[in-house]
Amino acid sequence: MRVDQNGPMDRRTLIAASLAAASVGGPAVAGPGGGEAAAPALGISGVGLPVIEGGRVRNYVFVSLKLHLGAGKTPQEMRAKEAYFRDALVKAAHRTPFLVPGDWTRLDEAALQRSLMADAARIAGRGAVTRVEIIAQAPRRRTGVRAG
């Protein structure tokens, strides 16, 4: 097992991002006022996506996502398709990198959301995912990379 010079900080960030995503991935519950129940959502954490510039991998950014589900879909039902969502994200990131020009520490959130929404219709059916929310981005390396 290889440990990088900034490994401990990356582990803390990854753990924090995972905890944040896990807290949003549970079933919907009614608020304390007994009002409307929150829309169901599926949390996906720790997907490592490459930052590619000039044909070279410059960094990896670990993202945590929240998929807001459409009518009739439950987190338990969609959890079975989580691996397909992860695979679609990684393939899309290699095919058309989600690059923010001049910054190797974060990804273009709008491009990532558009890509996953397009793939969600194929993976789970039209209307199964209504919105993709980026919860956290944690770059593998923070030093020695260009910042925007």
N, C-alpha and C. Protein backbone atom coordinates (compact mmCIF):
# COMPACT_ATOMS: atom_id res chain seq x y z
N MET A 1 0.84 -1.18 0.00
CA MET A 1 0.00 0.00 0.00
C MET A 1 0.88 1.24 0.00
N ARG A 2 0.60 2.15 -0.92
CA ARG A 2 1.41 3.36 -1.05
C ARG A 2 0.76 4.50 -0.29
N VAL A 3 1.55 5.24 0.44
CA VAL A 3 1.06 6.41 1.17
C VAL A 3 1.70 7.64 0.58
N ASP A 4 0.87 8.57 0.10
CA ASP A 4 1.39 9.81 -0.47
C ASP A 4 1.76 10.78 0.63
N GLN A 5 2.49 11.84 0.26
CA GLN A 5 2.93 12.82 1.24
C GLN A 5 1.76 13.55 1.87
N ASN A 6 0.63 13.65 1.17
CA ASN A 6 -0.53 14.32 1.75
C ASN A 6 -1.66 13.31 1.97
N GLY A 7 -1.33 12.06 2.24
CA GLY A 7 -2.29 10.99 2.44
C GLY A 7 -3.23 11.18 3.62
N PRO A 8 -2.73 11.52 4.83
CA PRO A 8 -3.64 11.65 5.97
C PRO A 8 -4.71 12.71 5.76
N MET A 9 -4.36 13.81 5.13
CA MET A 9 -5.36 14.85 4.90
C MET A 9 -6.41 14.35 3.91
N ASP A 10 -6.00 13.61 2.89
CA ASP A 10 -6.94 13.09 1.92
C ASP A 10 -7.90 12.10 2.57
N ARG A 11 -7.42 11.27 3.46
CA ARG A 11 -8.29 10.31 4.14
C ARG A 11 -9.33 11.04 4.98
N ARG A 12 -8.91 12.08 5.70
CA ARG A 12 -9.87 12.84 6.51
C ARG A 12 -10.93 13.49 5.64
N THR A 13 -10.52 14.06 4.53
CA THR A 13 -11.46 14.70 3.63
C THR A 13 -12.41 13.67 3.02
N LEU A 14 -11.89 12.53 2.61
CA LEU A 14 -12.72 11.49 2.03
C LEU A 14 -13.71 10.95 3.06
N ILE A 15 -13.27 10.76 4.28
CA ILE A 15 -14.17 10.28 5.34
C ILE A 15 -15.25 11.31 5.61
N ALA A 16 -14.87 12.59 5.67
CA ALA A 16 -15.86 13.64 5.90
C ALA A 16 -16.87 13.70 4.77
N ALA A 17 -16.41 13.56 3.53
CA ALA A 17 -17.33 13.59 2.39
C ALA A 17 -18.25 12.37 2.41
N SER A 18 -17.72 11.21 2.79
CA SER A 18 -18.54 10.01 2.88
C SER A 18 -19.61 10.15 3.94
N LEU A 19 -19.25 10.72 5.08
CA LEU A 19 -20.23 10.93 6.15
C LEU A 19 -21.31 11.90 5.73
N ALA A 20 -20.92 12.95 5.00
CA ALA A 20 -21.91 13.92 4.53
C ALA A 20 -22.87 13.26 3.56
N ALA A 21 -22.35 12.45 2.66
CA ALA A 21 -23.21 11.79 1.67
C ALA A 21 -24.09 10.74 2.33
N ALA A 22 -23.56 10.03 3.32
CA ALA A 22 -24.35 9.01 4.00
C ALA A 22 -25.52 9.63 4.75
N SER A 23 -25.33 10.84 5.23
CA SER A 23 -26.41 11.48 5.98
C SER A 23 -27.55 11.91 5.09
N VAL A 24 -27.32 12.07 3.79
CA VAL A 24 -28.39 12.48 2.89
C VAL A 24 -28.97 11.31 2.11
N GLY A 25 -28.42 10.14 2.25
CA GLY A 25 -28.88 9.01 1.45
C GLY A 25 -29.96 8.19 2.08
N GLY A 26 -30.42 8.52 3.25
CA GLY A 26 -31.41 7.71 3.94
C GLY A 26 -32.80 7.94 3.41
N PRO A 27 -33.77 7.18 3.93
CA PRO A 27 -35.15 7.34 3.50
C PRO A 27 -35.72 8.67 3.95
N ALA A 28 -36.73 9.12 3.24
CA ALA A 28 -37.36 10.41 3.56
C ALA A 28 -38.19 10.30 4.83
N VAL A 29 -38.18 11.36 5.62
CA VAL A 29 -38.97 11.40 6.84
C VAL A 29 -39.66 12.75 6.92
N ALA A 30 -40.75 12.78 7.70
CA ALA A 30 -41.47 14.03 7.86
C ALA A 30 -40.69 14.96 8.76
N GLY A 31 -40.83 16.26 8.54
CA GLY A 31 -40.14 17.25 9.34
C GLY A 31 -40.74 17.32 10.74
N PRO A 32 -40.10 18.06 11.66
CA PRO A 32 -40.58 18.11 13.03
C PRO A 32 -41.97 18.73 13.15
N GLY A 33 -42.37 19.56 12.19
CA GLY A 33 -43.69 20.17 12.24
C GLY A 33 -44.77 19.25 11.70
N GLY A 34 -44.42 18.04 11.27
CA GLY A 34 -45.39 17.10 10.75
C GLY A 34 -45.83 17.46 9.34
N GLY A 35 -45.09 18.31 8.64
CA GLY A 35 -45.45 18.76 7.30
C GLY A 35 -45.12 17.71 6.25
N GLU A 36 -44.89 18.20 5.07
CA GLU A 36 -44.59 17.34 3.93
C GLU A 36 -43.33 16.51 4.17
N ALA A 37 -43.33 15.29 3.66
CA ALA A 37 -42.15 14.44 3.74
C ALA A 37 -41.15 14.91 2.68
N ALA A 38 -39.88 14.81 2.99
CA ALA A 38 -38.84 15.19 2.04
C ALA A 38 -38.84 14.21 0.87
N ALA A 39 -38.46 14.69 -0.30
CA ALA A 39 -38.40 13.83 -1.48
C ALA A 39 -37.34 12.77 -1.27
N PRO A 40 -37.57 11.55 -1.74
CA PRO A 40 -36.57 10.49 -1.57
C PRO A 40 -35.32 10.80 -2.38
N ALA A 41 -34.19 10.37 -1.85
CA ALA A 41 -32.91 10.60 -2.52
C ALA A 41 -31.97 9.44 -2.25
N LEU A 42 -31.01 9.27 -3.14
CA LEU A 42 -29.99 8.24 -3.00
C LEU A 42 -28.63 8.92 -2.96
N GLY A 43 -27.87 8.65 -1.91
CA GLY A 43 -26.53 9.20 -1.78
C GLY A 43 -25.50 8.28 -2.41
N ILE A 44 -24.59 8.84 -3.18
CA ILE A 44 -23.48 8.09 -3.77
C ILE A 44 -22.21 8.82 -3.37
N SER A 45 -21.34 8.14 -2.65
CA SER A 45 -20.14 8.81 -2.15
C SER A 45 -18.87 8.15 -2.66
N GLY A 46 -17.79 8.96 -2.70
CA GLY A 46 -16.46 8.44 -2.97
C GLY A 46 -16.21 7.97 -4.38
N VAL A 47 -16.79 8.61 -5.39
CA VAL A 47 -16.52 8.24 -6.78
C VAL A 47 -15.30 9.04 -7.23
N GLY A 48 -14.22 8.35 -7.55
CA GLY A 48 -12.98 9.01 -7.98
C GLY A 48 -13.01 9.29 -9.46
N LEU A 49 -12.97 10.57 -9.83
CA LEU A 49 -13.00 10.97 -11.23
C LEU A 49 -11.71 11.68 -11.60
N PRO A 50 -11.18 11.39 -12.79
CA PRO A 50 -9.92 12.00 -13.18
C PRO A 50 -10.08 13.44 -13.66
N VAL A 51 -9.03 14.23 -13.44
CA VAL A 51 -8.92 15.56 -14.04
C VAL A 51 -7.89 15.41 -15.15
N ILE A 52 -8.36 15.47 -16.39
CA ILE A 52 -7.50 15.22 -17.54
C ILE A 52 -7.32 16.52 -18.31
N GLU A 53 -6.04 16.88 -18.53
CA GLU A 53 -5.74 18.06 -19.33
C GLU A 53 -4.55 17.74 -20.22
N GLY A 54 -4.65 18.11 -21.47
CA GLY A 54 -3.57 17.84 -22.41
C GLY A 54 -3.32 16.36 -22.62
N GLY A 55 -4.37 15.54 -22.47
CA GLY A 55 -4.24 14.11 -22.66
C GLY A 55 -3.59 13.37 -21.50
N ARG A 56 -3.34 14.07 -20.39
CA ARG A 56 -2.71 13.44 -19.23
C ARG A 56 -3.60 13.58 -18.00
N VAL A 57 -3.59 12.56 -17.15
CA VAL A 57 -4.31 12.63 -15.89
C VAL A 57 -3.50 13.50 -14.95
N ARG A 58 -4.08 14.61 -14.51
CA ARG A 58 -3.37 15.57 -13.66
C ARG A 58 -3.70 15.40 -12.19
N ASN A 59 -4.90 14.88 -11.90
CA ASN A 59 -5.33 14.74 -10.51
C ASN A 59 -6.58 13.86 -10.51
N TYR A 60 -7.02 13.46 -9.33
CA TYR A 60 -8.29 12.79 -9.16
C TYR A 60 -9.10 13.59 -8.16
N VAL A 61 -10.40 13.69 -8.40
CA VAL A 61 -11.30 14.36 -7.46
C VAL A 61 -12.36 13.34 -7.07
N PHE A 62 -12.53 13.16 -5.77
CA PHE A 62 -13.54 12.25 -5.24
C PHE A 62 -14.81 13.05 -4.99
N VAL A 63 -15.91 12.63 -5.61
CA VAL A 63 -17.16 13.36 -5.49
C VAL A 63 -18.19 12.54 -4.72
N SER A 64 -19.04 13.26 -4.01
CA SER A 64 -20.20 12.67 -3.35
C SER A 64 -21.42 13.34 -3.94
N LEU A 65 -22.40 12.53 -4.31
CA LEU A 65 -23.58 13.00 -5.01
C LEU A 65 -24.84 12.63 -4.26
N LYS A 66 -25.89 13.35 -4.58
CA LYS A 66 -27.22 13.04 -4.08
C LYS A 66 -28.14 13.03 -5.29
N LEU A 67 -28.75 11.87 -5.56
CA LEU A 67 -29.69 11.75 -6.66
C LEU A 67 -31.10 11.91 -6.11
N HIS A 68 -31.80 12.95 -6.54
CA HIS A 68 -33.18 13.16 -6.12
C HIS A 68 -34.06 12.29 -7.01
N LEU A 69 -34.88 11.47 -6.38
CA LEU A 69 -35.63 10.47 -7.11
C LEU A 69 -37.02 10.96 -7.50
N GLY A 70 -37.49 10.43 -8.63
CA GLY A 70 -38.81 10.78 -9.13
C GLY A 70 -39.91 10.02 -8.42
N ALA A 71 -41.12 10.29 -8.82
CA ALA A 71 -42.30 9.67 -8.22
C ALA A 71 -42.25 8.15 -8.38
N GLY A 72 -42.56 7.47 -7.31
CA GLY A 72 -42.63 6.01 -7.34
C GLY A 72 -41.30 5.31 -7.18
N LYS A 73 -40.21 6.02 -7.05
CA LYS A 73 -38.89 5.40 -6.88
C LYS A 73 -38.47 5.52 -5.42
N THR A 74 -37.89 4.45 -4.90
CA THR A 74 -37.41 4.45 -3.52
C THR A 74 -35.90 4.31 -3.50
N PRO A 75 -35.26 4.82 -2.44
CA PRO A 75 -33.80 4.66 -2.34
C PRO A 75 -33.37 3.19 -2.35
N GLN A 76 -34.18 2.32 -1.75
CA GLN A 76 -33.83 0.90 -1.71
C GLN A 76 -33.85 0.30 -3.11
N GLU A 77 -34.83 0.69 -3.92
CA GLU A 77 -34.93 0.21 -5.29
C GLU A 77 -33.75 0.71 -6.13
N MET A 78 -33.39 1.97 -5.94
CA MET A 78 -32.32 2.57 -6.74
C MET A 78 -30.93 2.16 -6.28
N ARG A 79 -30.79 1.73 -5.03
CA ARG A 79 -29.49 1.32 -4.52
C ARG A 79 -28.93 0.15 -5.34
N ALA A 80 -29.81 -0.68 -5.88
CA ALA A 80 -29.37 -1.80 -6.71
C ALA A 80 -28.71 -1.32 -8.00
N LYS A 81 -29.00 -0.09 -8.42
CA LYS A 81 -28.44 0.46 -9.65
C LYS A 81 -27.25 1.39 -9.39
N GLU A 82 -26.82 1.50 -8.14
CA GLU A 82 -25.73 2.42 -7.78
C GLU A 82 -24.45 2.14 -8.56
N ALA A 83 -24.11 0.88 -8.73
CA ALA A 83 -22.89 0.53 -9.47
C ALA A 83 -22.95 1.01 -10.91
N TYR A 84 -24.14 1.00 -11.51
CA TYR A 84 -24.29 1.48 -12.88
C TYR A 84 -24.11 3.00 -12.96
N PHE A 85 -24.60 3.71 -11.95
CA PHE A 85 -24.39 5.16 -11.91
C PHE A 85 -22.91 5.49 -11.77
N ARG A 86 -22.21 4.77 -10.89
CA ARG A 86 -20.77 4.99 -10.70
C ARG A 86 -20.01 4.72 -11.99
N ASP A 87 -20.33 3.62 -12.64
CA ASP A 87 -19.67 3.24 -13.89
C ASP A 87 -19.90 4.30 -14.96
N ALA A 88 -21.13 4.78 -15.08
CA ALA A 88 -21.44 5.81 -16.08
C ALA A 88 -20.66 7.08 -15.83
N LEU A 89 -20.51 7.47 -14.55
CA LEU A 89 -19.74 8.67 -14.21
C LEU A 89 -18.27 8.54 -14.60
N VAL A 90 -17.67 7.41 -14.25
CA VAL A 90 -16.25 7.20 -14.53
C VAL A 90 -16.00 7.16 -16.04
N LYS A 91 -16.87 6.47 -16.77
CA LYS A 91 -16.71 6.41 -18.23
C LYS A 91 -16.86 7.80 -18.85
N ALA A 92 -17.84 8.56 -18.40
CA ALA A 92 -18.05 9.91 -18.94
C ALA A 92 -16.86 10.81 -18.62
N ALA A 93 -16.30 10.68 -17.42
CA ALA A 93 -15.16 11.52 -17.03
C ALA A 93 -13.92 11.23 -17.86
N HIS A 94 -13.76 10.00 -18.32
CA HIS A 94 -12.63 9.68 -19.19
C HIS A 94 -12.91 10.08 -20.64
N ARG A 95 -14.14 9.96 -21.07
CA ARG A 95 -14.51 10.29 -22.45
C ARG A 95 -14.48 11.80 -22.68
N THR A 96 -15.13 12.55 -21.81
CA THR A 96 -15.20 14.01 -21.90
C THR A 96 -14.93 14.56 -20.51
N PRO A 97 -13.69 14.88 -20.19
CA PRO A 97 -13.35 15.30 -18.82
C PRO A 97 -14.17 16.49 -18.35
N PHE A 98 -14.53 16.46 -17.09
CA PHE A 98 -15.27 17.55 -16.45
C PHE A 98 -14.28 18.59 -15.93
N LEU A 99 -13.49 19.14 -16.84
CA LEU A 99 -12.39 20.03 -16.49
C LEU A 99 -12.86 21.46 -16.24
N VAL A 100 -12.37 22.04 -15.16
CA VAL A 100 -12.52 23.48 -14.92
C VAL A 100 -11.19 24.07 -15.39
N PRO A 101 -11.22 24.89 -16.45
CA PRO A 101 -9.96 25.42 -17.00
C PRO A 101 -9.11 26.13 -15.94
N GLY A 102 -7.85 25.71 -15.85
CA GLY A 102 -6.91 26.34 -14.93
C GLY A 102 -6.97 25.82 -13.51
N ASP A 103 -7.82 24.85 -13.21
CA ASP A 103 -7.93 24.36 -11.84
C ASP A 103 -8.02 22.83 -11.86
N TRP A 104 -7.02 22.18 -11.30
CA TRP A 104 -6.99 20.73 -11.27
C TRP A 104 -7.54 20.17 -9.96
N THR A 105 -8.15 21.00 -9.12
CA THR A 105 -8.63 20.55 -7.81
C THR A 105 -10.14 20.42 -7.73
N ARG A 106 -10.84 20.73 -8.82
CA ARG A 106 -12.29 20.60 -8.79
C ARG A 106 -12.81 20.30 -10.20
N LEU A 107 -14.06 19.83 -10.24
CA LEU A 107 -14.68 19.45 -11.50
C LEU A 107 -15.80 20.43 -11.85
N ASP A 108 -16.15 20.48 -13.11
CA ASP A 108 -17.26 21.30 -13.60
C ASP A 108 -18.57 20.63 -13.19
N GLU A 109 -19.23 21.21 -12.18
CA GLU A 109 -20.43 20.59 -11.61
C GLU A 109 -21.57 20.53 -12.62
N ALA A 110 -21.76 21.59 -13.40
CA ALA A 110 -22.87 21.61 -14.37
C ALA A 110 -22.70 20.51 -15.43
N ALA A 111 -21.49 20.32 -15.93
CA ALA A 111 -21.23 19.29 -16.93
C ALA A 111 -21.43 17.90 -16.34
N LEU A 112 -20.98 17.71 -15.11
CA LEU A 112 -21.14 16.43 -14.43
C LEU A 112 -22.62 16.12 -14.23
N GLN A 113 -23.40 17.11 -13.79
CA GLN A 113 -24.84 16.91 -13.57
C GLN A 113 -25.56 16.59 -14.88
N ARG A 114 -25.25 17.32 -15.95
CA ARG A 114 -25.88 17.05 -17.25
C ARG A 114 -25.58 15.63 -17.72
N SER A 115 -24.33 15.22 -17.58
CA SER A 115 -23.93 13.90 -18.03
C SER A 115 -24.66 12.80 -17.26
N LEU A 116 -24.71 12.94 -15.94
CA LEU A 116 -25.36 11.91 -15.14
C LEU A 116 -26.87 11.89 -15.36
N MET A 117 -27.49 13.04 -15.57
CA MET A 117 -28.92 13.06 -15.85
C MET A 117 -29.22 12.34 -17.17
N ALA A 118 -28.38 12.52 -18.17
CA ALA A 118 -28.57 11.82 -19.45
C ALA A 118 -28.42 10.32 -19.26
N ASP A 119 -27.45 9.90 -18.48
CA ASP A 119 -27.24 8.47 -18.23
C ASP A 119 -28.31 7.89 -17.32
N ALA A 120 -28.88 8.68 -16.43
CA ALA A 120 -29.89 8.19 -15.48
C ALA A 120 -31.13 7.70 -16.21
N ALA A 121 -31.51 8.36 -17.28
CA ALA A 121 -32.68 7.93 -18.05
C ALA A 121 -32.44 6.54 -18.65
N ARG A 122 -31.23 6.29 -19.08
CA ARG A 122 -30.89 4.98 -19.65
C ARG A 122 -30.78 3.91 -18.57
N ILE A 123 -30.22 4.26 -17.42
CA ILE A 123 -29.98 3.30 -16.36
C ILE A 123 -31.25 2.93 -15.60
N ALA A 124 -32.03 3.93 -15.21
CA ALA A 124 -33.17 3.68 -14.33
C ALA A 124 -34.52 4.02 -14.96
N GLY A 125 -34.52 4.57 -16.15
CA GLY A 125 -35.78 4.94 -16.80
C GLY A 125 -36.02 6.43 -16.72
N ARG A 126 -36.80 6.91 -17.66
CA ARG A 126 -37.11 8.35 -17.74
C ARG A 126 -37.90 8.77 -16.50
N GLY A 127 -37.44 9.85 -15.85
CA GLY A 127 -38.12 10.40 -14.68
C GLY A 127 -37.74 9.75 -13.36
N ALA A 128 -36.86 8.74 -13.39
CA ALA A 128 -36.45 8.07 -12.15
C ALA A 128 -35.59 8.99 -11.30
N VAL A 129 -34.75 9.81 -11.94
CA VAL A 129 -33.92 10.79 -11.25
C VAL A 129 -34.34 12.16 -11.74
N THR A 130 -34.74 13.03 -10.80
CA THR A 130 -35.21 14.35 -11.19
C THR A 130 -34.12 15.41 -11.12
N ARG A 131 -33.11 15.17 -10.28
CA ARG A 131 -32.05 16.16 -10.12
C ARG A 131 -30.82 15.49 -9.54
N VAL A 132 -29.63 15.95 -9.93
CA VAL A 132 -28.36 15.49 -9.38
C VAL A 132 -27.75 16.65 -8.61
N GLU A 133 -27.41 16.40 -7.36
CA GLU A 133 -26.80 17.42 -6.52
C GLU A 133 -25.40 16.98 -6.13
N ILE A 134 -24.42 17.85 -6.32
CA ILE A 134 -23.04 17.57 -5.92
C ILE A 134 -22.91 17.99 -4.46
N ILE A 135 -22.66 17.03 -3.58
CA ILE A 135 -22.55 17.31 -2.15
C ILE A 135 -21.14 17.79 -1.80
N ALA A 136 -20.13 17.09 -2.31
CA ALA A 136 -18.75 17.43 -1.96
C ALA A 136 -17.80 17.02 -3.07
N GLN A 137 -16.69 17.75 -3.15
CA GLN A 137 -15.58 17.42 -4.04
C GLN A 137 -14.30 17.44 -3.20
N ALA A 138 -13.56 16.35 -3.22
CA ALA A 138 -12.32 16.26 -2.46
C ALA A 138 -11.19 15.85 -3.39
N PRO A 139 -10.29 16.78 -3.75
CA PRO A 139 -9.18 16.44 -4.65
C PRO A 139 -8.16 15.54 -3.96
N ARG A 140 -7.57 14.64 -4.72
CA ARG A 140 -6.54 13.76 -4.18
C ARG A 140 -5.30 14.58 -3.80
N ARG A 141 -4.90 15.48 -4.69
CA ARG A 141 -3.75 16.35 -4.41
C ARG A 141 -4.22 17.79 -4.36
N ARG A 142 -3.73 18.51 -3.39
CA ARG A 142 -4.07 19.93 -3.27
C ARG A 142 -2.86 20.82 -3.55
N THR A 143 -1.68 20.27 -3.39
CA THR A 143 -0.46 21.06 -3.57
C THR A 143 0.17 20.68 -4.91
N GLY A 144 0.86 21.65 -5.51
CA GLY A 144 1.55 21.38 -6.75
C GLY A 144 0.64 21.37 -7.95
N VAL A 145 -0.60 21.80 -7.79
CA VAL A 145 -1.53 21.87 -8.92
C VAL A 145 -1.96 23.32 -9.12
N ARG A 146 -2.33 23.61 -10.35
CA ARG A 146 -2.76 24.97 -10.66
C ARG A 146 -4.12 25.25 -10.05
N ALA A 147 -4.31 26.43 -9.59
CA ALA A 147 -5.61 26.84 -9.05
C ALA A 147 -6.15 27.96 -9.91
N GLY A 148 -7.50 28.00 -10.03
CA GLY A 148 -8.15 29.02 -10.84
C GLY A 148 -8.45 30.18 -10.03
